[in-house]
Amino acid sequence: MKLKDYIKTIPLEERDVFSAKCGTSFAHIRNIAYGYKKSGESLCINIERESGGTVKCEELRPDVDWKYLRGTFTTFKLETTKPSPDPEAELSPATPGIGKMLITDTSDRRNEELRNSDRRE
C-alpha cells in the first residue's frame, strides 16, 4: 500500500502517535507520502514496522536494495569443472544453467600438437 493511502486510514488523533513511534513528525511523513521529501532508510524501516507491514520499504525507497538487507537475495556461485594449473587455460562458453562457467585445461591439447609437429619434422 502507498504511504499516502495508509495515512488516510489513520484517525486524526492517532497520526501524531504513529509518527512519534516512527521517530519523526506527521508533517514529515505527509511530505514523504506526497513526494515532497525522500525518506531515509531507517525511517522506511520504522514506517513498515509501525504500519504492521502494510507500507513496505520497497514502496517508499525503490532505489535501495532491500532484498540484500532482508537476506532474500539470490547469489550465484562460480563453479569450475577442473582446476587448471595452466595460466593460459581457455575459458569455454558458459554452460546452460545460471552462474556456471567451465574452465578447460588446454595444456594436453597443446602438448599433443607439439608432439605431432615434432613427428612431422
Protein backbone atom coordinates (compact mmCIF):
# COMPACT_ATOMS: atom_id res chain seq x y z
CA MET A 1 0.00 0.00 0.00
CA LYS A 2 1.21 3.51 -0.70
CA LEU A 3 2.04 5.65 2.31
CA LYS A 4 -0.38 8.34 1.14
CA ASP A 5 -3.27 5.85 1.20
CA TYR A 6 -2.16 4.39 4.52
CA ILE A 7 -2.00 7.69 6.42
CA LYS A 8 -5.54 8.48 5.27
CA THR A 9 -6.71 5.38 7.19
CA ILE A 10 -5.15 6.57 10.45
CA PRO A 11 -7.61 8.52 12.60
CA LEU A 12 -6.59 12.18 13.08
CA GLU A 13 -5.99 11.79 16.81
CA GLU A 14 -3.61 8.83 16.22
CA ARG A 15 -1.46 10.33 13.47
CA ASP A 16 0.95 12.06 15.85
CA VAL A 17 1.29 8.84 17.87
CA PHE A 18 2.09 6.87 14.69
CA SER A 19 4.65 9.49 13.65
CA ALA A 20 6.28 9.55 17.09
CA LYS A 21 6.65 5.76 17.02
CA CYS A 22 8.32 6.17 13.61
CA GLY A 23 10.67 8.75 15.11
CA THR A 24 9.50 11.80 13.17
CA SER A 25 6.65 14.28 12.82
CA PHE A 26 3.43 13.72 10.93
CA ALA A 27 4.28 16.71 8.72
CA HIS A 28 7.46 14.93 7.61
CA ILE A 29 5.58 11.68 6.94
CA ARG A 30 3.00 13.63 4.93
CA ASN A 31 5.79 15.26 2.88
CA ILE A 32 7.21 11.82 2.13
CA ALA A 33 3.77 10.43 1.27
CA TYR A 34 3.10 13.19 -1.25
CA GLY A 35 6.56 13.05 -2.78
CA TYR A 36 7.96 16.33 -1.45
CA LYS A 37 10.67 14.62 0.59
CA LYS A 38 12.61 11.38 0.36
CA SER A 39 12.54 9.04 3.32
CA GLY A 40 15.75 7.86 4.93
CA GLU A 41 16.29 4.11 5.08
CA SER A 42 15.81 3.90 8.84
CA LEU A 43 12.54 5.82 8.61
CA CYS A 44 11.37 3.41 5.90
CA ILE A 45 12.01 0.55 8.29
CA ASN A 46 10.16 2.34 11.11
CA ILE A 47 7.16 3.08 8.87
CA GLU A 48 6.98 -0.54 7.72
CA ARG A 49 7.23 -1.76 11.31
CA GLU A 50 4.63 0.67 12.69
CA SER A 51 2.22 0.08 9.80
CA GLY A 52 2.39 -3.64 10.53
CA GLY A 53 3.96 -4.30 7.14
CA THR A 54 1.17 -2.58 5.23
CA VAL A 55 3.55 0.02 3.82
CA LYS A 56 6.70 -1.68 2.53
CA CYS A 57 10.19 -0.20 2.43
CA GLU A 58 10.34 -1.12 -1.27
CA GLU A 59 7.39 1.20 -1.92
CA LEU A 60 8.99 4.11 -0.06
CA ARG A 61 12.51 3.73 -1.46
CA PRO A 62 12.68 1.50 -4.54
CA ASP A 63 16.28 2.64 -5.12
CA VAL A 64 17.54 0.72 -2.05
CA ASP A 65 18.50 -2.96 -2.36
CA TRP A 66 16.04 -4.18 0.27
CA LYS A 67 16.40 -7.82 -0.86
CA TYR A 68 20.03 -7.72 0.23
CA LEU A 69 19.18 -6.16 3.58
CA ARG A 70 16.35 -8.63 4.16
CA GLY A 71 18.57 -11.55 3.19
CA THR A 72 16.19 -12.61 0.40
CA PHE A 73 18.63 -12.07 -2.46
CA THR A 74 19.98 -14.85 -4.66
CA THR A 75 23.68 -15.45 -5.02
CA PHE A 76 25.39 -17.24 -7.84
CA LYS A 77 28.37 -19.47 -7.22
CA LEU A 78 31.06 -19.82 -9.85
CA GLU A 79 31.73 -23.50 -10.41
CA THR A 80 34.69 -24.96 -12.26
CA THR A 81 34.82 -28.41 -13.77
CA LYS A 82 38.55 -28.86 -13.40
CA PRO A 83 41.13 -26.59 -11.81
CA SER A 84 43.83 -25.72 -14.31
CA PRO A 85 47.45 -25.10 -13.40
CA ASP A 86 47.91 -23.61 -16.88
CA PRO A 87 47.52 -19.81 -16.63
CA GLU A 88 46.69 -19.71 -20.32
CA ALA A 89 43.76 -22.09 -19.99
CA GLU A 90 40.92 -21.12 -22.28
CA LEU A 91 37.54 -20.26 -20.88
CA SER A 92 34.86 -22.27 -22.57
CA PRO A 93 31.41 -20.77 -23.16
CA ALA A 94 29.12 -20.82 -20.18
CA THR A 95 27.09 -23.99 -19.88
CA PRO A 96 23.31 -23.95 -19.73
CA GLY A 97 22.40 -23.08 -16.20
CA ILE A 98 22.78 -19.91 -14.26
CA GLY A 99 26.13 -18.91 -12.85
CA LYS A 100 28.23 -21.76 -14.22
CA MET A 101 31.35 -21.37 -16.28
CA LEU A 102 33.63 -24.16 -17.37
CA ILE A 103 37.39 -23.79 -17.40
CA THR A 104 39.04 -26.08 -19.91
CA ASP A 105 42.66 -27.09 -19.46
CA THR A 106 44.22 -26.94 -22.92
CA SER A 107 47.73 -28.00 -21.90
CA ASP A 108 47.15 -31.62 -23.03
CA ARG A 109 45.92 -30.43 -26.41
CA ARG A 110 48.94 -28.14 -26.80
CA ASN A 111 51.32 -30.96 -25.84
CA GLU A 112 49.65 -33.24 -28.38
CA GLU A 113 50.04 -30.56 -31.07
CA LEU A 114 53.74 -30.20 -30.21
CA ARG A 115 54.27 -33.96 -30.36
CA ASN A 116 52.54 -34.13 -33.75
CA SER A 117 54.60 -31.27 -35.14
CA ASP A 118 57.81 -32.97 -33.91
CA ARG A 119 56.83 -36.15 -35.77
CA ARG A 120 56.27 -34.24 -39.00
CA GLU A 121 59.76 -32.75 -38.99
